[in-house]
Amino acid sequence: MTLVIRKELDRRLAIAGHCFEWADIKQDLNALQEITIEDRGKTLVIRSECHGTCGRVFQAIGVAIPPTIREVA
């Protein structure tokens, strides 16, 4: 299953004109983090900055990166 997903990711990246090392992709995606903060009855989710290949990987697969700060119910 994982091999199928990786091949599809590689295919979509190639269509977008990108050729990234698998180790770089994993490192950059692992660095992307979110933290949930609750304050005065509000719950906020804060996302770390996208570094390296991360933004282009999301774009190539057609997934929007969540906003840096968002309120959740």
PDB file of N, CA and C in Angstrom:
ATOM      1  N   MET A   1       0.819  -1.196   0.000  1.00  0.00           N
ATOM      2  CA  MET A   1       0.000   0.000   0.000  1.00  0.00           C
ATOM      3  C   MET A   1       0.864   1.261   0.000  1.00  0.00           C
ATOM      4  N   THR A   2       1.866   1.300   0.870  1.00  0.00           N
ATOM      5  CA  THR A   2       2.716   2.482   0.957  1.00  0.00           C
ATOM      6  C   THR A   2       3.432   2.747  -0.362  1.00  0.00           C
ATOM      7  N   LEU A   3       3.875   1.687  -1.031  1.00  0.00           N
ATOM      8  CA  LEU A   3       4.570   1.839  -2.306  1.00  0.00           C
ATOM      9  C   LEU A   3       3.648   2.462  -3.352  1.00  0.00           C
ATOM     10  N   VAL A   4       2.385   2.080  -3.339  1.00  0.00           N
ATOM     11  CA  VAL A   4       1.410   2.635  -4.284  1.00  0.00           C
ATOM     12  C   VAL A   4       1.228   4.128  -4.028  1.00  0.00           C
ATOM     13  N   ILE A   5       1.129   4.498  -2.759  1.00  0.00           N
ATOM     14  CA  ILE A   5       0.958   5.912  -2.406  1.00  0.00           C
ATOM     15  C   ILE A   5       2.188   6.710  -2.809  1.00  0.00           C
ATOM     16  N   ARG A   6       3.355   6.170  -2.548  1.00  0.00           N
ATOM     17  CA  ARG A   6       4.594   6.881  -2.904  1.00  0.00           C
ATOM     18  C   ARG A   6       4.711   7.058  -4.418  1.00  0.00           C
ATOM     19  N   LYS A   7       4.372   6.016  -5.179  1.00  0.00           N
ATOM     20  CA  LYS A   7       4.441   6.130  -6.642  1.00  0.00           C
ATOM     21  C   LYS A   7       3.470   7.197  -7.148  1.00  0.00           C
ATOM     22  N   GLU A   8       2.289   7.263  -6.550  1.00  0.00           N
ATOM     23  CA  GLU A   8       1.319   8.274  -6.957  1.00  0.00           C
ATOM     24  C   GLU A   8       1.820   9.674  -6.604  1.00  0.00           C
ATOM     25  N   LEU A   9       2.423   9.819  -5.448  1.00  0.00           N
ATOM     26  CA  LEU A   9       3.007  11.113  -5.070  1.00  0.00           C
ATOM     27  C   LEU A   9       4.109  11.491  -6.043  1.00  0.00           C
ATOM     28  N   ASP A  10       4.993  10.560  -6.360  1.00  0.00           N
ATOM     29  CA  ASP A  10       6.066  10.828  -7.319  1.00  0.00           C
ATOM     30  C   ASP A  10       5.497  11.236  -8.679  1.00  0.00           C
ATOM     31  N   ARG A  11       4.417  10.569  -9.097  1.00  0.00           N
ATOM     32  CA  ARG A  11       3.792  10.887 -10.379  1.00  0.00           C
ATOM     33  C   ARG A  11       3.229  12.314 -10.371  1.00  0.00           C
ATOM     34  N   ARG A  12       2.546  12.668  -9.296  1.00  0.00           N
ATOM     35  CA  ARG A  12       1.960  14.014  -9.219  1.00  0.00           C
ATOM     36  C   ARG A  12       3.029  15.093  -9.118  1.00  0.00           C
ATOM     37  N   LEU A  13       4.096  14.813  -8.395  1.00  0.00           N
ATOM     38  CA  LEU A  13       5.196  15.775  -8.319  1.00  0.00           C
ATOM     39  C   LEU A  13       5.844  15.959  -9.690  1.00  0.00           C
ATOM     40  N   ALA A  14       6.014  14.875 -10.437  1.00  0.00           N
ATOM     41  CA  ALA A  14       6.600  14.966 -11.780  1.00  0.00           C
ATOM     42  C   ALA A  14       5.715  15.790 -12.704  1.00  0.00           C
ATOM     43  N   ILE A  15       4.410  15.587 -12.630  1.00  0.00           N
ATOM     44  CA  ILE A  15       3.475  16.378 -13.443  1.00  0.00           C
ATOM     45  C   ILE A  15       3.610  17.858 -13.116  1.00  0.00           C
ATOM     46  N   ALA A  16       3.832  18.164 -11.834  1.00  0.00           N
ATOM     47  CA  ALA A  16       3.993  19.559 -11.405  1.00  0.00           C
ATOM     48  C   ALA A  16       5.393  20.103 -11.693  1.00  0.00           C
ATOM     49  N   GLY A  17       6.287  19.236 -12.208  1.00  0.00           N
ATOM     50  CA  GLY A  17       7.632  19.672 -12.557  1.00  0.00           C
ATOM     51  C   GLY A  17       8.618  19.635 -11.404  1.00  0.00           C
ATOM     52  N   HIS A  18       8.329  18.836 -10.377  1.00  0.00           N
ATOM     53  CA  HIS A  18       9.209  18.747  -9.209  1.00  0.00           C
ATOM     54  C   HIS A  18       9.863  17.370  -9.136  1.00  0.00           C
ATOM     55  N   CYS A  19      11.081  17.353  -8.627  1.00  0.00           N
ATOM     56  CA  CYS A  19      11.796  16.096  -8.391  1.00  0.00           C
ATOM     57  C   CYS A  19      12.528  16.246  -7.056  1.00  0.00           C
ATOM     58  N   PHE A  20      11.905  15.743  -5.991  1.00  0.00           N
ATOM     59  CA  PHE A  20      12.454  15.884  -4.646  1.00  0.00           C
ATOM     60  C   PHE A  20      12.944  14.541  -4.134  1.00  0.00           C
ATOM     61  N   GLU A  21      13.950  14.583  -3.281  1.00  0.00           N
ATOM     62  CA  GLU A  21      14.425  13.384  -2.601  1.00  0.00           C
ATOM     63  C   GLU A  21      13.376  12.970  -1.569  1.00  0.00           C
ATOM     64  N   TRP A  22      13.120  11.662  -1.482  1.00  0.00           N
ATOM     65  CA  TRP A  22      12.112  11.150  -0.561  1.00  0.00           C
ATOM     66  C   TRP A  22      12.446  11.538   0.888  1.00  0.00           C
ATOM     67  N   ALA A  23      13.705  11.509   1.263  1.00  0.00           N
ATOM     68  CA  ALA A  23      14.113  11.878   2.621  1.00  0.00           C
ATOM     69  C   ALA A  23      13.768  13.330   2.922  1.00  0.00           C
ATOM     70  N   ASP A  24      13.931  14.216   1.934  1.00  0.00           N
ATOM     71  CA  ASP A  24      13.592  15.629   2.122  1.00  0.00           C
ATOM     72  C   ASP A  24      12.091  15.809   2.308  1.00  0.00           C
ATOM     73  N   ILE A  25      11.302  15.094   1.524  1.00  0.00           N
ATOM     74  CA  ILE A  25       9.843  15.178   1.645  1.00  0.00           C
ATOM     75  C   ILE A  25       9.418  14.747   3.043  1.00  0.00           C
ATOM     76  N   LYS A  26       9.916  13.599   3.495  1.00  0.00           N
ATOM     77  CA  LYS A  26       9.545  13.090   4.819  1.00  0.00           C
ATOM     78  C   LYS A  26       9.975  14.049   5.921  1.00  0.00           C
ATOM     79  N   GLN A  27      11.173  14.585   5.825  1.00  0.00           N
ATOM     80  CA  GLN A  27      11.683  15.505   6.843  1.00  0.00           C
ATOM     81  C   GLN A  27      10.825  16.768   6.910  1.00  0.00           C
ATOM     82  N   ASP A  28      10.494  17.334   5.754  1.00  0.00           N
ATOM     83  CA  ASP A  28       9.724  18.572   5.721  1.00  0.00           C
ATOM     84  C   ASP A  28       8.285  18.359   6.194  1.00  0.00           C
ATOM     85  N   LEU A  29       7.672  17.232   5.825  1.00  0.00           N
ATOM     86  CA  LEU A  29       6.316  16.946   6.286  1.00  0.00           C
ATOM     87  C   LEU A  29       6.291  16.632   7.777  1.00  0.00           C
ATOM     88  N   ASN A  30       7.303  15.944   8.272  1.00  0.00           N
ATOM     89  CA  ASN A  30       7.379  15.672   9.710  1.00  0.00           C
ATOM     90  C   ASN A  30       7.574  16.939  10.529  1.00  0.00           C
ATOM     91  N   ALA A  31       8.208  17.945   9.939  1.00  0.00           N
ATOM     92  CA  ALA A  31       8.441  19.209  10.641  1.00  0.00           C
ATOM     93  C   ALA A  31       7.168  20.055  10.747  1.00  0.00           C
ATOM     94  N   LEU A  32       6.189  19.786   9.897  1.00  0.00           N
ATOM     95  CA  LEU A  32       4.929  20.527   9.929  1.00  0.00           C
ATOM     96  C   LEU A  32       4.135  20.076  11.148  1.00  0.00           C
ATOM     97  N   GLN A  33       3.811  21.027  12.022  1.00  0.00           N
ATOM     98  CA  GLN A  33       3.142  20.681  13.270  1.00  0.00           C
ATOM     99  C   GLN A  33       1.978  21.616  13.532  1.00  0.00           C
ATOM    100  N   GLU A  34       1.049  21.140  14.366  1.00  0.00           N
ATOM    101  CA  GLU A  34      -0.057  21.956  14.842  1.00  0.00           C
ATOM    102  C   GLU A  34      -0.127  21.833  16.355  1.00  0.00           C
ATOM    103  N   ILE A  35      -0.578  22.904  16.977  1.00  0.00           N
ATOM    104  CA  ILE A  35      -0.796  22.894  18.419  1.00  0.00           C
ATOM    105  C   ILE A  35      -2.171  23.500  18.669  1.00  0.00           C
ATOM    106  N   THR A  36      -2.889  22.944  19.632  1.00  0.00           N
ATOM    107  CA  THR A  36      -4.209  23.446  19.980  1.00  0.00           C
ATOM    108  C   THR A  36      -4.110  24.218  21.289  1.00  0.00           C
ATOM    109  N   ILE A  37      -4.695  25.415  21.283  1.00  0.00           N
ATOM    110  CA  ILE A  37      -4.680  26.272  22.464  1.00  0.00           C
ATOM    111  C   ILE A  37      -6.123  26.606  22.825  1.00  0.00           C
ATOM    112  N   GLU A  38      -6.457  26.449  24.093  1.00  0.00           N
ATOM    113  CA  GLU A  38      -7.772  26.831  24.587  1.00  0.00           C
ATOM    114  C   GLU A  38      -7.606  28.011  25.527  1.00  0.00           C
ATOM    115  N   ASP A  39      -8.376  29.081  25.266  1.00  0.00           N
ATOM    116  CA  ASP A  39      -8.291  30.276  26.098  1.00  0.00           C
ATOM    117  C   ASP A  39      -9.638  30.980  26.098  1.00  0.00           C
ATOM    118  N   ARG A  40     -10.164  31.256  27.268  1.00  0.00           N
ATOM    119  CA  ARG A  40     -11.419  32.000  27.435  1.00  0.00           C
ATOM    120  C   ARG A  40     -12.563  31.434  26.589  1.00  0.00           C
ATOM    121  N   GLY A  41     -12.675  30.121  26.581  1.00  0.00           N
ATOM    122  CA  GLY A  41     -13.761  29.482  25.861  1.00  0.00           C
ATOM    123  C   GLY A  41     -13.542  29.327  24.366  1.00  0.00           C
ATOM    124  N   LYS A  42     -12.423  29.781  23.853  1.00  0.00           N
ATOM    125  CA  LYS A  42     -12.116  29.632  22.431  1.00  0.00           C
ATOM    126  C   LYS A  42     -11.017  28.590  22.261  1.00  0.00           C
ATOM    127  N   THR A  43     -11.112  27.846  21.185  1.00  0.00           N
ATOM    128  CA  THR A  43     -10.085  26.868  20.860  1.00  0.00           C
ATOM    129  C   THR A  43      -9.446  27.278  19.536  1.00  0.00           C
ATOM    130  N   LEU A  44      -8.138  27.474  19.565  1.00  0.00           N
ATOM    131  CA  LEU A  44      -7.385  27.865  18.373  1.00  0.00           C
ATOM    132  C   LEU A  44      -6.392  26.770  18.016  1.00  0.00           C
ATOM    133  N   VAL A  45      -6.208  26.569  16.721  1.00  0.00           N
ATOM    134  CA  VAL A  45      -5.179  25.647  16.236  1.00  0.00           C
ATOM    135  C   VAL A  45      -4.147  26.490  15.501  1.00  0.00           C
ATOM    136  N   ILE A  46      -2.888  26.341  15.886  1.00  0.00           N
ATOM    137  CA  ILE A  46      -1.793  27.103  15.288  1.00  0.00           C
ATOM    138  C   ILE A  46      -0.873  26.120  14.575  1.00  0.00           C
ATOM    139  N   ARG A  47      -0.607  26.412  13.294  1.00  0.00           N
ATOM    140  CA  ARG A  47       0.226  25.552  12.457  1.00  0.00           C
ATOM    141  C   ARG A  47       1.609  26.166  12.304  1.00  0.00           C
ATOM    142  N   SER A  48       2.633  25.324  12.286  1.00  0.00           N
ATOM    143  CA  SER A  48       3.995  25.814  12.053  1.00  0.00           C
ATOM    144  C   SER A  48       4.152  26.234  10.590  1.00  0.00           C
ATOM    145  N   GLU A  49       5.222  26.938  10.320  1.00  0.00           N
ATOM    146  CA  GLU A  49       5.522  27.393   8.967  1.00  0.00           C
ATOM    147  C   GLU A  49       5.938  26.209   8.090  1.00  0.00           C
ATOM    148  N   CYS A  50       5.536  26.259   6.827  1.00  0.00           N
ATOM    149  CA  CYS A  50       5.955  25.225   5.868  1.00  0.00           C
ATOM    150  C   CYS A  50       7.377  25.529   5.406  1.00  0.00           C
ATOM    151  N   HIS A  51       8.235  24.533   5.473  1.00  0.00           N
ATOM    152  CA  HIS A  51       9.617  24.705   5.038  1.00  0.00           C
ATOM    153  C   HIS A  51       9.941  23.721   3.921  1.00  0.00           C
ATOM    154  N   GLY A  52      10.932  24.058   3.146  1.00  0.00           N
ATOM    155  CA  GLY A  52      11.454  23.147   2.121  1.00  0.00           C
ATOM    156  C   GLY A  52      10.422  22.755   1.082  1.00  0.00           C
ATOM    157  N   THR A  53      10.243  21.467   0.916  1.00  0.00           N
ATOM    158  CA  THR A  53       9.375  20.926  -0.129  1.00  0.00           C
ATOM    159  C   THR A  53       7.899  20.915   0.256  1.00  0.00           C
ATOM    160  N   CYS A  54       7.615  21.130   1.505  1.00  0.00           N
ATOM    161  CA  CYS A  54       6.279  20.914   2.064  1.00  0.00           C
ATOM    162  C   CYS A  54       5.160  21.595   1.267  1.00  0.00           C
ATOM    163  N   GLY A  55       5.258  22.874   1.026  1.00  0.00           N
ATOM    164  CA  GLY A  55       4.210  23.597   0.302  1.00  0.00           C
ATOM    165  C   GLY A  55       4.005  23.078  -1.109  1.00  0.00           C
ATOM    166  N   ARG A  56       5.089  22.764  -1.783  1.00  0.00           N
ATOM    167  CA  ARG A  56       4.984  22.264  -3.159  1.00  0.00           C
ATOM    168  C   ARG A  56       4.419  20.851  -3.212  1.00  0.00           C
ATOM    169  N   VAL A  57       4.671  20.053  -2.185  1.00  0.00           N
ATOM    170  CA  VAL A  57       4.084  18.713  -2.118  1.00  0.00           C
ATOM    171  C   VAL A  57       2.569  18.826  -1.952  1.00  0.00           C
ATOM    172  N   PHE A  58       2.131  19.658  -1.018  1.00  0.00           N
ATOM    173  CA  PHE A  58       0.696  19.866  -0.825  1.00  0.00           C
ATOM    174  C   PHE A  58       0.043  20.358  -2.115  1.00  0.00           C
ATOM    175  N   GLN A  59       0.676  21.308  -2.775  1.00  0.00           N
ATOM    176  CA  GLN A  59       0.130  21.866  -4.017  1.00  0.00           C
ATOM    177  C   GLN A  59       0.041  20.790  -5.104  1.00  0.00           C
ATOM    178  N   ALA A  60       1.054  19.965  -5.229  1.00  0.00           N
ATOM    179  CA  ALA A  60       1.079  18.941  -6.271  1.00  0.00           C
ATOM    180  C   ALA A  60      -0.029  17.903  -6.089  1.00  0.00           C
ATOM    181  N   ILE A  61      -0.396  17.617  -4.840  1.00  0.00           N
ATOM    182  CA  ILE A  61      -1.448  16.627  -4.615  1.00  0.00           C
ATOM    183  C   ILE A  61      -2.830  17.264  -4.499  1.00  0.00           C
ATOM    184  N   GLY A  62      -2.876  18.597  -4.583  1.00  0.00           N
ATOM    185  CA  GLY A  62      -4.170  19.276  -4.597  1.00  0.00           C
ATOM    186  C   GLY A  62      -4.814  19.428  -3.238  1.00  0.00           C
ATOM    187  N   VAL A  63      -3.999  19.523  -2.192  1.00  0.00           N
ATOM    188  CA  VAL A  63      -4.517  19.695  -0.838  1.00  0.00           C
ATOM    189  C   VAL A  63      -4.117  21.081  -0.342  1.00  0.00           C
ATOM    190  N   ALA A  64      -5.095  21.813   0.166  1.00  0.00           N
ATOM    191  CA  ALA A  64      -4.814  23.145   0.697  1.00  0.00           C
ATOM    192  C   ALA A  64      -4.148  23.035   2.062  1.00  0.00           C
ATOM    193  N   ILE A  65      -3.141  23.849   2.285  1.00  0.00           N
ATOM    194  CA  ILE A  65      -2.493  23.919   3.590  1.00  0.00           C
ATOM    195  C   ILE A  65      -3.426  24.716   4.501  1.00  0.00           C
ATOM    196  N   PRO A  66      -3.686  24.217   5.700  1.00  0.00           N
ATOM    197  CA  PRO A  66      -4.572  24.958   6.609  1.00  0.00           C
ATOM    198  C   PRO A  66      -3.990  26.328   6.948  1.00  0.00           C
ATOM    199  N   PRO A  67      -4.861  27.272   7.307  1.00  0.00           N
ATOM    200  CA  PRO A  67      -4.355  28.583   7.716  1.00  0.00           C
ATOM    201  C   PRO A  67      -3.407  28.460   8.919  1.00  0.00           C
ATOM    202  N   THR A  68      -2.555  29.449   9.087  1.00  0.00           N
ATOM    203  CA  THR A  68      -1.601  29.431  10.190  1.00  0.00           C
ATOM    204  C   THR A  68      -2.314  29.397  11.534  1.00  0.00           C
ATOM    205  N   ILE A  69      -3.372  30.190  11.658  1.00  0.00           N
ATOM    206  CA  ILE A  69      -4.181  30.208  12.887  1.00  0.00           C
ATOM    207  C   ILE A  69      -5.636  30.066  12.479  1.00  0.00           C
ATOM    208  N   ARG A  70      -6.334  29.138  13.142  1.00  0.00           N
ATOM    209  CA  ARG A  70      -7.761  28.995  12.874  1.00  0.00           C
ATOM    210  C   ARG A  70      -8.493  28.652  14.161  1.00  0.00           C
ATOM    211  N   GLU A  71      -9.702  29.138  14.248  1.00  0.00           N
ATOM    212  CA  GLU A  71     -10.544  28.833  15.390  1.00  0.00           C
ATOM    213  C   GLU A  71     -11.371  27.600  15.087  1.00  0.00           C
ATOM    214  N   VAL A  72     -11.454  26.700  16.056  1.00  0.00           N
ATOM    215  CA  VAL A  72     -12.252  25.483  15.873  1.00  0.00           C
ATOM    216  C   VAL A  72     -13.374  25.482  16.900  1.00  0.00           C
ATOM    217  N   ALA A  73     -14.441  24.804  16.566  1.00  0.00           N
ATOM    218  CA  ALA A  73     -15.604  24.770  17.471  1.00  0.00           C
ATOM    219  C   ALA A  73     -15.385  23.830  18.624  1.00  0.00           C
TER     220      ALA A  73
END
